[in-house]
Structure formats: C-alpha cells, structure tokens
Amino acid sequence: MQTPAEYTESLRLASVLHEAAYLQGIRLNSLEAKVLDRKPDPPYSVVTELRPSVSVGAKSITFAVQYEVRALADEDEVFRIACEFQAGYEHDLDNVTESMASTYGDVIVLATLHPYVRELVHRVSSDLGFPGLFLDNLDSKDLFRLLSEEKIKKRNDEHGAV
C-alpha cells in the first residue's frame, strides 16, 4: 500500500509518461469461453477479475491485461470467458520505471482497453446462447478528476494524440 505522498509522486510520474507516450495498437492475444451449465435461467451475477502486467522496453511499453469473467446463478458458475488484451505504446523518454508504467497502466491503459473487453464479453456471451452480458463501466471519476486538475494531460502531436 502506497502512502499518499508516494501515490501523488506515482501519479506525477505517470503524467510525465502520458505526455510522452502514444498508442501503437491494441491486440487480442487470447480468448477462451466455456459453458459449464445451460440450465440456470438469468439473471446472473457477474464476477470479473483482472490481472495486468507491464513490460518496459527502451522506447516502448507493452501492457497486457488478462480478464476472467464468470457468470453465476446463485453460487454456481454458468459460463466463463477469459481473454487477454495487449496495448503497445511508444515514448520518447530516457528512463521509464516499472512503477511509473504500472501507475500509467492503472489509470490510462485500463480505461483504454475496458471498452474492447465489454464489447467482446457481450458478443461472446450472446454467441454462447445466453443473454449478452454487460460489464460495468470502469469508474473513471478519478481519471476525470486527474485530467480536470491537469495532473494528467495529453499532448497534441504528429501521432494523432490529443
């Protein structure tokens, strides 16, 4: 657990990275869907787990986020969808630490990837023959607060970033 001062510093460093980074692409690395029980009728409760990871290169950063979404009827699992999305960024900084990149990932990358995951889960659950699941939006109040206070802002450059 970070102290408030450590968290403030990690946000400051993430803001520095945000100024220098631009998205190169998003990729779906894996997808697995499994039906465990077709009998229970909706509504289902939905449990979502995320496992993010980051790989820092000299001038690039790759974020991978594994999602596992389980639909439950009472306590019994009805179906499961597991996927991994990857987002690649390039930057022009001399030094990016794991901590700096992790905080950036927690704020910006998850907000970037989550709409893709929401759409995929909805489509795959429908393809499995169930009512399409709608994952909650990420609570982006903190992100918007940081953006509005200009603690995190994005440059406008030749890479199309705004």
Protein backbone atom coordinates (compact mmCIF):
# COMPACT_ATOMS: atom_id res chain seq x y z
CA MET A 1 0.00 0.00 0.00
CA GLN A 2 1.39 3.37 -1.03
CA THR A 3 1.39 6.36 1.25
CA PRO A 4 -0.47 9.43 -0.02
CA ALA A 5 2.87 11.08 -0.85
CA GLU A 6 4.07 8.01 -2.77
CA TYR A 7 0.77 7.83 -4.65
CA THR A 8 0.98 11.52 -5.56
CA GLU A 9 4.51 11.00 -6.86
CA SER A 10 3.49 7.94 -8.88
CA LEU A 11 0.67 9.99 -10.48
CA ARG A 12 3.12 12.76 -11.29
CA LEU A 13 5.44 10.27 -12.99
CA ALA A 14 2.50 8.69 -14.85
CA SER A 15 1.63 12.17 -16.10
CA VAL A 16 5.17 12.57 -17.43
CA LEU A 17 4.79 9.26 -19.28
CA HIS A 18 1.34 10.27 -20.55
CA GLU A 19 2.87 13.39 -22.10
CA ALA A 20 5.47 11.31 -23.94
CA ALA A 21 3.57 8.14 -24.87
CA TYR A 22 1.39 7.35 -27.84
CA LEU A 23 -0.66 4.25 -28.56
CA GLN A 24 0.74 1.97 -31.25
CA GLY A 25 -2.01 -0.62 -31.20
CA ILE A 26 -4.36 -2.90 -29.33
CA ARG A 27 -4.42 -6.64 -29.84
CA LEU A 28 -6.50 -9.53 -28.57
CA ASN A 29 -3.93 -12.17 -27.57
CA SER A 30 -6.22 -14.93 -26.36
CA LEU A 31 -9.87 -15.82 -25.91
CA GLU A 32 -11.45 -18.80 -24.22
CA ALA A 33 -15.12 -19.33 -23.49
CA LYS A 34 -16.58 -22.27 -21.65
CA VAL A 35 -20.19 -23.20 -20.83
CA LEU A 36 -20.47 -25.11 -17.57
CA ASP A 37 -24.24 -25.31 -17.08
CA ARG A 38 -27.01 -24.32 -19.50
CA LYS A 39 -29.87 -24.95 -17.08
CA PRO A 40 -29.98 -21.89 -14.82
CA ASP A 41 -32.02 -19.00 -16.16
CA PRO A 42 -30.93 -15.38 -15.86
CA PRO A 43 -30.36 -13.10 -14.11
CA TYR A 44 -26.74 -13.97 -13.47
CA SER A 45 -24.31 -12.29 -11.17
CA VAL A 46 -21.06 -11.38 -12.87
CA VAL A 47 -17.61 -11.66 -11.31
CA THR A 48 -14.71 -10.05 -13.15
CA GLU A 49 -11.04 -10.47 -12.31
CA LEU A 50 -8.20 -8.53 -13.95
CA ARG A 51 -4.51 -9.36 -13.94
CA PRO A 52 -2.46 -6.57 -15.54
CA SER A 53 1.21 -6.83 -16.41
CA VAL A 54 3.69 -4.43 -17.96
CA SER A 55 6.88 -4.84 -19.96
CA VAL A 56 9.12 -1.79 -20.29
CA GLY A 57 11.49 -1.53 -23.27
CA ALA A 58 13.95 1.19 -24.23
CA LYS A 59 11.38 3.29 -26.11
CA SER A 60 8.27 1.15 -25.78
CA ILE A 61 5.92 -0.25 -23.18
CA THR A 62 3.63 -3.23 -23.58
CA PHE A 63 0.68 -3.68 -21.26
CA ALA A 64 -1.17 -6.97 -21.10
CA VAL A 65 -4.40 -7.38 -19.15
CA GLN A 66 -5.94 -10.78 -18.54
CA TYR A 67 -9.67 -10.72 -17.84
CA GLU A 68 -11.71 -13.55 -16.43
CA VAL A 69 -15.45 -13.03 -16.45
CA ARG A 70 -17.68 -15.57 -14.74
CA ALA A 71 -21.48 -15.67 -14.87
CA LEU A 72 -23.01 -17.19 -11.75
CA ALA A 73 -26.50 -18.39 -10.90
CA ASP A 74 -26.64 -18.39 -7.13
CA GLU A 75 -23.14 -19.67 -6.38
CA ASP A 76 -22.86 -21.99 -9.38
CA GLU A 77 -20.79 -21.00 -12.40
CA VAL A 78 -22.85 -20.96 -15.60
CA PHE A 79 -20.17 -19.87 -18.06
CA ARG A 80 -16.72 -18.29 -18.13
CA ILE A 81 -14.99 -16.01 -20.63
CA ALA A 82 -11.25 -15.46 -20.34
CA CYS A 83 -9.30 -13.13 -22.61
CA GLU A 84 -6.10 -11.17 -22.76
CA PHE A 85 -5.72 -7.81 -24.45
CA GLN A 86 -2.43 -6.12 -25.15
CA ALA A 87 -1.76 -2.43 -25.70
CA GLY A 88 1.55 -1.23 -27.11
CA TYR A 89 2.87 2.28 -26.57
CA GLU A 90 5.97 4.09 -27.76
CA HIS A 91 7.55 7.01 -25.94
CA ASP A 92 10.50 9.37 -26.21
CA LEU A 93 11.63 9.40 -22.57
CA ASP A 94 15.13 8.44 -21.47
CA ASN A 95 14.01 6.44 -18.44
CA VAL A 96 10.70 4.77 -17.60
CA THR A 97 10.46 2.78 -14.38
CA GLU A 98 8.16 -0.18 -13.73
CA SER A 99 6.36 1.86 -11.06
CA MET A 100 5.79 4.77 -13.44
CA ALA A 101 4.49 2.43 -16.15
CA SER A 102 2.27 0.50 -13.70
CA THR A 103 0.56 3.65 -12.48
CA TYR A 104 0.07 4.79 -16.08
CA GLY A 105 -1.42 1.38 -16.85
CA ASP A 106 -3.79 1.56 -13.89
CA VAL A 107 -5.14 4.94 -14.97
CA ILE A 108 -4.91 5.21 -18.75
CA VAL A 109 -4.44 1.73 -20.18
CA LEU A 110 -7.33 0.11 -18.31
CA ALA A 111 -9.61 2.96 -19.39
CA THR A 112 -8.44 2.39 -22.98
CA LEU A 113 -8.86 -1.40 -23.03
CA HIS A 114 -12.04 -1.81 -21.00
CA PRO A 115 -14.49 -0.83 -23.79
CA TYR A 116 -12.96 -3.53 -26.01
CA VAL A 117 -13.41 -6.11 -23.25
CA ARG A 118 -17.00 -5.01 -22.61
CA GLU A 119 -17.91 -5.44 -26.29
CA LEU A 120 -16.14 -8.80 -26.55
CA VAL A 121 -17.82 -10.22 -23.43
CA HIS A 122 -21.23 -9.05 -24.63
CA ARG A 123 -20.74 -10.60 -28.08
CA VAL A 124 -19.24 -13.90 -26.86
CA SER A 125 -21.87 -14.44 -24.17
CA SER A 126 -24.54 -13.93 -26.86
CA ASP A 127 -22.71 -16.32 -29.19
CA LEU A 128 -22.75 -18.90 -26.39
CA GLY A 129 -26.55 -18.70 -26.43
CA PHE A 130 -27.00 -16.61 -23.27
CA PRO A 131 -28.31 -13.09 -22.90
CA GLY A 132 -25.42 -10.74 -23.68
CA LEU A 133 -23.58 -9.75 -20.53
CA PHE A 134 -22.92 -6.09 -19.94
CA LEU A 135 -19.85 -5.39 -17.84
CA ASP A 136 -19.94 -2.26 -15.75
CA ASN A 137 -18.06 0.76 -16.97
CA LEU A 138 -14.84 1.44 -15.17
CA ASP A 139 -15.37 4.04 -12.51
CA SER A 140 -13.49 6.81 -14.25
CA LYS A 141 -14.30 9.56 -11.76
CA ASP A 142 -10.73 9.53 -10.53
CA LEU A 143 -9.36 9.64 -14.07
CA PHE A 144 -11.55 12.59 -14.98
CA ARG A 145 -10.63 14.35 -11.75
CA LEU A 146 -6.94 13.96 -12.56
CA LEU A 147 -7.48 15.17 -16.11
CA SER A 148 -9.56 18.14 -14.99
CA GLU A 149 -6.92 19.15 -12.46
CA GLU A 150 -4.34 18.84 -15.26
CA LYS A 151 -2.33 16.37 -13.22
CA ILE A 152 -2.59 14.11 -16.27
CA LYS A 153 -2.89 15.69 -19.68
CA LYS A 154 -2.22 14.55 -23.21
CA ARG A 155 -0.17 16.42 -25.77
CA ASN A 156 -1.32 17.09 -29.31
CA ASP A 157 1.34 15.79 -31.70
CA GLU A 158 2.02 14.20 -35.06
CA HIS A 159 0.98 10.78 -33.74
CA GLY A 160 -2.65 11.88 -33.55
CA ALA A 161 -2.71 12.09 -29.78
CA VAL A 162 -4.94 14.69 -28.27
